[in-house]
N, C-alpha and C. Protein backbone atom coordinates (compact mmCIF):
# COMPACT_ATOMS: atom_id res chain seq x y z
N UNK A 1 0.89 -1.01 0.07
CA UNK A 1 -0.15 -0.24 -0.07
C UNK A 1 0.74 1.30 -0.20
N UNK A 2 0.39 2.37 -0.59
CA UNK A 2 1.20 3.66 -0.70
C UNK A 2 0.84 4.13 0.49
N UNK A 3 1.98 4.86 1.18
CA UNK A 3 1.69 5.59 2.46
C UNK A 3 1.14 7.18 1.60
N UNK A 4 0.21 7.61 2.60
CA UNK A 4 -0.79 9.09 2.57
C UNK A 4 0.43 9.98 2.36
N UNK A 5 -0.29 10.99 1.64
CA UNK A 5 1.00 12.00 1.72
C UNK A 5 0.59 13.14 3.09
N UNK A 6 1.69 13.41 3.68
CA UNK A 6 1.41 14.35 5.13
C UNK A 6 1.68 15.61 4.69
N UNK A 7 0.35 16.44 4.38
CA UNK A 7 0.50 17.75 4.08
C UNK A 7 1.43 18.99 4.90
N UNK A 8 1.33 18.47 6.09
CA UNK A 8 2.26 19.20 6.87
C UNK A 8 3.83 19.40 6.59
N UNK A 9 4.10 17.81 6.50
CA UNK A 9 5.36 17.72 6.01
C UNK A 9 5.88 18.02 4.49
N UNK A 10 4.70 18.17 3.72
CA UNK A 10 5.22 18.29 2.15
C UNK A 10 5.16 19.88 1.96
N UNK A 11 4.28 20.85 2.72
CA UNK A 11 3.97 21.94 2.65
C UNK A 11 3.64 22.68 3.69
N UNK A 12 4.66 22.76 4.90
CA UNK A 12 4.40 23.24 6.11
C UNK A 12 3.81 25.01 6.17
N UNK A 13 4.84 25.66 5.20
CA UNK A 13 4.24 27.10 5.37
C UNK A 13 2.64 27.06 4.86
N UNK A 14 2.34 26.25 3.93
CA UNK A 14 0.80 26.39 3.11
C UNK A 14 -0.09 26.06 4.51
N UNK A 15 0.22 25.03 4.72
CA UNK A 15 -0.70 24.33 5.79
C UNK A 15 -0.70 25.22 7.16
N UNK A 16 0.31 25.90 7.63
CA UNK A 16 0.31 26.95 8.46
C UNK A 16 -0.51 28.15 8.01
N UNK A 17 -0.60 28.69 6.98
CA UNK A 17 -1.46 29.77 6.71
C UNK A 17 -3.03 29.15 6.56
N UNK A 18 -3.12 27.89 6.06
CA UNK A 18 -4.24 27.30 6.27
C UNK A 18 -5.21 27.49 7.69
N UNK A 19 -4.19 27.12 8.27
CA UNK A 19 -4.73 26.99 9.80
C UNK A 19 -4.95 28.21 10.57
N UNK A 20 -3.98 29.07 10.28
CA UNK A 20 -4.19 30.63 10.54
C UNK A 20 -5.61 31.06 10.17
N UNK A 21 -5.81 30.89 8.87
CA UNK A 21 -7.33 31.21 8.25
C UNK A 21 -8.34 30.78 9.00
N UNK A 22 -8.24 29.52 9.39
CA UNK A 22 -9.34 28.96 10.10
C UNK A 22 -9.48 29.55 11.72
N UNK A 23 -8.50 29.71 12.29
CA UNK A 23 -8.60 30.41 13.44
C UNK A 23 -8.95 31.86 13.48
N UNK A 24 -8.34 32.64 12.24
CA UNK A 24 -9.05 33.92 12.18
C UNK A 24 -10.39 33.86 11.83
N UNK A 25 -11.12 32.90 11.22
CA UNK A 25 -12.46 32.88 10.79
C UNK A 25 -12.97 32.97 12.53
N UNK A 26 -12.55 31.98 13.18
CA UNK A 26 -13.35 31.52 14.42
C UNK A 26 -13.19 32.76 15.31
N UNK A 27 -11.88 33.79 15.38
CA UNK A 27 -11.79 34.80 16.28
C UNK A 27 -12.47 36.18 15.51
N UNK A 28 -13.18 36.09 14.50
CA UNK A 28 -13.68 37.17 13.54
C UNK A 28 -14.84 37.85 14.13
N UNK A 29 -15.69 37.09 15.17
CA UNK A 29 -16.63 37.73 15.72
C UNK A 29 -17.97 37.58 15.25
N UNK A 30 -17.97 36.92 13.91
CA UNK A 30 -19.12 36.46 13.06
C UNK A 30 -20.28 35.67 13.81
N UNK A 31 -21.59 36.02 13.51
CA UNK A 31 -22.27 35.54 14.11
C UNK A 31 -22.43 33.96 13.90
N UNK A 32 -22.83 32.93 14.50
CA UNK A 32 -22.91 31.59 14.54
C UNK A 32 -23.51 31.24 12.98
N UNK A 33 -24.59 31.61 12.69
CA UNK A 33 -25.39 31.26 11.56
C UNK A 33 -24.29 31.48 10.43
N UNK A 34 -23.62 33.02 10.15
CA UNK A 34 -22.66 32.94 9.22
C UNK A 34 -21.55 32.26 9.13
N UNK A 35 -21.17 32.02 10.34
CA UNK A 35 -19.78 31.13 10.63
C UNK A 35 -19.88 29.74 9.65
N UNK A 36 -21.32 28.93 10.22
CA UNK A 36 -21.67 28.02 9.40
C UNK A 36 -21.82 28.02 8.09
N UNK A 37 -22.36 29.29 7.35
CA UNK A 37 -22.35 29.33 5.97
C UNK A 37 -21.22 29.30 5.52
N UNK A 38 -20.06 30.14 6.26
CA UNK A 38 -18.65 29.96 5.42
C UNK A 38 -18.01 28.56 5.47
N UNK A 39 -18.58 27.71 6.31
CA UNK A 39 -18.02 26.60 6.43
C UNK A 39 -18.65 25.67 5.34
N UNK A 40 -19.96 25.54 5.51
CA UNK A 40 -20.72 24.80 4.29
C UNK A 40 -19.95 25.35 2.86
N UNK A 41 -19.87 26.70 2.70
CA UNK A 41 -19.21 26.89 1.42
C UNK A 41 -17.83 26.36 1.25
N UNK A 42 -16.95 26.43 2.23
CA UNK A 42 -15.75 25.87 1.92
C UNK A 42 -15.83 24.59 1.86
N UNK A 43 -16.75 23.71 2.24
CA UNK A 43 -16.92 22.18 2.36
C UNK A 43 -17.39 21.89 0.78
N UNK A 44 -18.39 22.68 0.21
CA UNK A 44 -19.01 22.46 -1.14
C UNK A 44 -17.77 22.88 -2.02
N UNK A 45 -16.95 23.72 -1.73
CA UNK A 45 -15.42 23.84 -2.71
C UNK A 45 -14.82 22.60 -2.95
N UNK A 46 -14.57 22.26 -1.57
CA UNK A 46 -13.75 21.04 -1.45
C UNK A 46 -14.46 19.59 -2.40
N UNK A 47 -15.86 19.50 -2.08
CA UNK A 47 -16.33 18.70 -2.56
C UNK A 47 -16.51 18.59 -4.14
N UNK A 48 -16.80 19.94 -4.60
CA UNK A 48 -16.68 19.83 -6.36
C UNK A 48 -15.32 19.89 -6.67
N UNK A 49 -14.51 20.46 -6.02
CA UNK A 49 -12.74 19.78 -6.38
C UNK A 49 -12.68 18.70 -6.63
N UNK A 50 -13.12 17.57 -5.63
CA UNK A 50 -12.88 16.29 -5.98
C UNK A 50 -13.71 16.11 -7.12
N UNK A 51 -14.93 16.47 -7.40
CA UNK A 51 -15.59 15.98 -8.50
C UNK A 51 -15.00 16.37 -9.97
N UNK A 52 -14.04 16.89 -9.93
CA UNK A 52 -13.42 17.29 -11.26
C UNK A 52 -12.42 16.25 -11.57
N UNK A 53 -12.26 15.40 -10.38
CA UNK A 53 -11.38 14.40 -11.02
C UNK A 53 -12.02 13.08 -11.86
N UNK A 54 -11.44 13.08 -13.28
CA UNK A 54 -11.90 11.84 -13.82
C UNK A 54 -11.59 10.49 -13.41
N UNK A 55 -12.86 9.77 -13.25
CA UNK A 55 -12.83 8.49 -12.88
C UNK A 55 -13.02 7.23 -13.97
N UNK A 56 -12.82 6.40 -13.94
CA UNK A 56 -13.19 5.23 -14.93
C UNK A 56 -14.16 4.56 -14.24
N UNK A 57 -14.98 4.64 -13.46
CA UNK A 57 -15.69 3.77 -12.41
C UNK A 57 -17.31 3.86 -13.10
N UNK A 58 -17.79 2.83 -13.42
CA UNK A 58 -19.14 2.91 -13.82
C UNK A 58 -20.03 2.03 -12.71
N UNK A 59 -21.30 2.77 -12.13
CA UNK A 59 -22.16 2.36 -11.10
C UNK A 59 -23.36 1.16 -12.02
N UNK A 60 -23.05 0.27 -11.25
CA UNK A 60 -23.86 -0.95 -11.86
C UNK A 60 -24.51 -1.53 -10.69
N UNK A 61 -26.20 -1.42 -10.62
CA UNK A 61 -26.74 -2.29 -9.63
C UNK A 61 -26.49 -3.68 -9.28
N UNK A 62 -26.30 -4.27 -8.43
CA UNK A 62 -26.24 -5.89 -8.55
C UNK A 62 -27.43 -6.32 -8.73
N UNK A 63 -28.53 -5.78 -8.39
CA UNK A 63 -29.72 -6.52 -8.90
C UNK A 63 -30.14 -5.89 -10.56
N UNK A 64 -30.48 -6.91 -11.25
CA UNK A 64 -31.06 -6.69 -12.83
C UNK A 64 -30.00 -6.03 -13.58
N UNK A 65 -28.56 -6.06 -13.44
CA UNK A 65 -27.55 -5.70 -14.10
C UNK A 65 -27.54 -4.21 -14.24
N UNK A 66 -28.05 -3.51 -13.42
CA UNK A 66 -28.22 -1.90 -13.34
C UNK A 66 -29.56 -1.37 -13.70
N UNK A 67 -30.60 -2.32 -14.09
CA UNK A 67 -31.47 -1.47 -14.37
C UNK A 67 -32.68 -1.39 -12.91
N UNK A 68 -32.66 -0.12 -12.56
CA UNK A 68 -33.48 0.12 -11.34
C UNK A 68 -34.79 0.83 -11.64
N UNK A 69 -35.89 -0.06 -11.57
CA UNK A 69 -37.14 1.01 -11.74
C UNK A 69 -37.12 1.49 -13.17
N UNK A 70 -36.90 0.82 -14.09
CA UNK A 70 -36.54 1.38 -15.48
C UNK A 70 -35.53 2.30 -15.81
N UNK A 71 -34.57 2.58 -14.84
CA UNK A 71 -33.63 3.29 -15.27
C UNK A 71 -32.00 2.71 -15.36
N UNK A 72 -31.21 3.01 -16.23
CA UNK A 72 -30.18 2.37 -16.51
C UNK A 72 -29.00 3.45 -15.38
N UNK A 73 -28.60 2.74 -14.76
CA UNK A 73 -27.48 3.76 -13.86
C UNK A 73 -26.26 3.72 -14.97
């Protein structure tokens, strides 16, 4: 198995700036609902970034060879 990348060892300055950014948001005095919105926005950016990675997988349902209620997956 290939060992996972340790981002703190690979780019310590970049990771420190990431941590400082997170601490700055927490100490900014924003109201809780706005902070949750910021967290959700950053999470959606991360998820959408992973969505850009091309994969060669094809989803096939184990029952009926992928045909689920008339839809092909």
